[in-house]
Amino acid sequence: MSQQPEKKHPEVPEGKSRFLITRQMKPNEKGFVGYETIWEPFQKEAEYQTPKRP
């Protein structure tokens, strides 16, 4: 009987947008290929300053 060749997943380039980066992960033991998602912060956090007393 002939054996089926092992499926190879194509290498996907890193995706970049304004607040998001997506990278392809390596296939696991079952052959599942996932994607890693990295979010950039939408806003900067300012340091709190106590208001002046009247």
N, C-alpha and C. Protein backbone atom coordinates (compact mmCIF):
# COMPACT_ATOMS: atom_id res chain seq x y z
N MET A 1 0.84 -1.18 0.00
CA MET A 1 0.00 0.00 0.00
C MET A 1 0.88 1.24 0.00
N SER A 2 0.40 2.24 -0.66
CA SER A 2 1.18 3.48 -0.71
C SER A 2 0.81 4.36 0.48
N GLN A 3 1.80 5.01 1.02
CA GLN A 3 1.57 5.91 2.15
C GLN A 3 1.38 7.32 1.62
N GLN A 4 0.50 8.06 2.28
CA GLN A 4 0.28 9.44 1.86
C GLN A 4 1.43 10.30 2.35
N PRO A 5 1.89 11.22 1.51
CA PRO A 5 2.98 12.09 1.96
C PRO A 5 2.50 13.02 3.08
N GLU A 6 3.42 13.34 3.97
CA GLU A 6 3.08 14.21 5.11
C GLU A 6 2.76 15.61 4.59
N LYS A 7 1.68 16.18 5.10
CA LYS A 7 1.27 17.51 4.65
C LYS A 7 2.21 18.57 5.22
N LYS A 8 2.62 19.47 4.37
CA LYS A 8 3.47 20.59 4.79
C LYS A 8 2.62 21.86 4.74
N HIS A 9 2.66 22.62 5.81
CA HIS A 9 1.92 23.88 5.84
C HIS A 9 2.82 24.98 5.27
N PRO A 10 2.27 25.84 4.42
CA PRO A 10 3.08 26.92 3.87
C PRO A 10 3.47 27.92 4.96
N GLU A 11 4.64 28.49 4.83
CA GLU A 11 5.11 29.49 5.79
C GLU A 11 4.39 30.81 5.49
N VAL A 12 3.71 31.36 6.48
CA VAL A 12 2.95 32.59 6.32
C VAL A 12 3.78 33.74 6.88
N PRO A 13 3.91 34.85 6.14
CA PRO A 13 4.70 35.97 6.66
C PRO A 13 4.02 36.63 7.86
N GLU A 14 4.80 37.35 8.65
CA GLU A 14 4.28 38.04 9.83
C GLU A 14 3.33 39.14 9.39
N GLY A 15 2.16 39.20 10.02
CA GLY A 15 1.17 40.22 9.69
C GLY A 15 1.28 41.38 10.65
N LYS A 16 1.25 42.60 10.12
CA LYS A 16 1.37 43.80 10.96
C LYS A 16 0.25 44.78 10.61
N SER A 17 -0.34 45.35 11.63
CA SER A 17 -1.30 46.43 11.45
C SER A 17 -1.00 47.46 12.54
N ARG A 18 -1.87 48.43 12.70
CA ARG A 18 -1.59 49.54 13.60
C ARG A 18 -1.37 49.10 15.05
N PHE A 19 -2.20 48.24 15.58
CA PHE A 19 -2.10 47.82 16.97
C PHE A 19 -1.91 46.31 17.14
N LEU A 20 -1.65 45.58 16.07
CA LEU A 20 -1.66 44.13 16.13
C LEU A 20 -0.53 43.52 15.31
N ILE A 21 0.10 42.50 15.86
CA ILE A 21 1.10 41.71 15.13
C ILE A 21 0.69 40.25 15.24
N THR A 22 0.67 39.55 14.12
CA THR A 22 0.29 38.14 14.09
C THR A 22 1.44 37.33 13.53
N ARG A 23 1.83 36.27 14.24
CA ARG A 23 2.91 35.39 13.79
C ARG A 23 2.41 33.95 13.75
N GLN A 24 2.90 33.20 12.78
CA GLN A 24 2.54 31.78 12.68
C GLN A 24 3.41 30.98 13.65
N MET A 25 2.78 30.07 14.38
CA MET A 25 3.50 29.23 15.32
C MET A 25 3.90 27.93 14.62
N LYS A 26 4.78 27.17 15.23
CA LYS A 26 5.20 25.88 14.67
C LYS A 26 4.08 24.86 14.90
N PRO A 27 3.94 23.87 13.99
CA PRO A 27 2.91 22.84 14.18
C PRO A 27 3.19 22.00 15.42
N ASN A 28 2.13 21.63 16.14
CA ASN A 28 2.30 20.79 17.33
C ASN A 28 2.31 19.32 16.91
N GLU A 29 2.29 18.40 17.88
CA GLU A 29 2.39 16.97 17.57
C GLU A 29 1.21 16.45 16.75
N LYS A 30 0.05 17.13 16.81
CA LYS A 30 -1.10 16.71 16.02
C LYS A 30 -1.11 17.34 14.63
N GLY A 31 -0.19 18.28 14.38
CA GLY A 31 -0.12 18.94 13.08
C GLY A 31 -0.87 20.25 13.01
N PHE A 32 -1.44 20.70 14.16
CA PHE A 32 -2.18 21.95 14.18
C PHE A 32 -1.22 23.13 14.15
N VAL A 33 -1.45 24.06 13.25
CA VAL A 33 -0.63 25.26 13.16
C VAL A 33 -1.47 26.42 13.69
N GLY A 34 -0.99 27.07 14.74
CA GLY A 34 -1.72 28.18 15.32
C GLY A 34 -1.05 29.51 15.01
N TYR A 35 -1.65 30.56 15.50
CA TYR A 35 -1.13 31.90 15.28
C TYR A 35 -1.00 32.61 16.62
N GLU A 36 0.11 33.31 16.81
CA GLU A 36 0.36 34.09 18.02
C GLU A 36 -0.06 35.52 17.72
N THR A 37 -0.85 36.11 18.59
CA THR A 37 -1.35 37.47 18.41
C THR A 37 -0.78 38.36 19.50
N ILE A 38 -0.15 39.46 19.11
CA ILE A 38 0.44 40.40 20.05
C ILE A 38 -0.24 41.75 19.84
N TRP A 39 -0.88 42.25 20.90
CA TRP A 39 -1.57 43.53 20.84
C TRP A 39 -0.68 44.63 21.40
N GLU A 40 -0.65 45.76 20.73
CA GLU A 40 0.03 46.95 21.23
C GLU A 40 -1.00 47.76 22.03
N PRO A 41 -0.56 48.50 23.05
CA PRO A 41 -1.53 49.28 23.83
C PRO A 41 -2.15 50.39 22.97
N PHE A 42 -3.45 50.64 23.21
CA PHE A 42 -4.17 51.66 22.45
C PHE A 42 -3.87 53.06 22.95
N GLN A 43 -3.58 53.19 24.23
CA GLN A 43 -3.35 54.51 24.80
C GLN A 43 -2.25 54.44 25.84
N LYS A 44 -1.66 55.59 26.12
CA LYS A 44 -0.59 55.64 27.11
C LYS A 44 -1.18 55.95 28.47
N GLU A 45 -0.57 55.40 29.50
CA GLU A 45 -1.04 55.62 30.86
C GLU A 45 -0.23 56.76 31.46
N ALA A 46 -0.94 57.81 31.88
CA ALA A 46 -0.28 58.97 32.47
C ALA A 46 -0.15 58.79 33.97
N GLU A 47 0.92 59.31 34.54
CA GLU A 47 1.12 59.23 35.98
C GLU A 47 0.16 60.18 36.69
N TYR A 48 -0.46 59.70 37.76
CA TYR A 48 -1.44 60.52 38.48
C TYR A 48 -0.73 61.58 39.30
N GLN A 49 -1.24 62.82 39.22
CA GLN A 49 -0.69 63.91 40.02
C GLN A 49 -1.83 64.43 40.91
N THR A 50 -1.52 64.58 42.20
CA THR A 50 -2.52 65.05 43.15
C THR A 50 -2.86 66.52 42.83
N PRO A 51 -4.15 66.88 42.78
CA PRO A 51 -4.53 68.26 42.50
C PRO A 51 -4.08 69.19 43.64
N LYS A 52 -3.93 70.48 43.29
CA LYS A 52 -3.54 71.47 44.30
C LYS A 52 -4.67 71.68 45.30
N ARG A 53 -4.30 71.95 46.54
CA ARG A 53 -5.32 72.26 47.55
C ARG A 53 -5.68 73.73 47.47
N PRO A 54 -6.96 74.06 47.69
CA PRO A 54 -7.37 75.47 47.63
C PRO A 54 -6.86 76.26 48.82
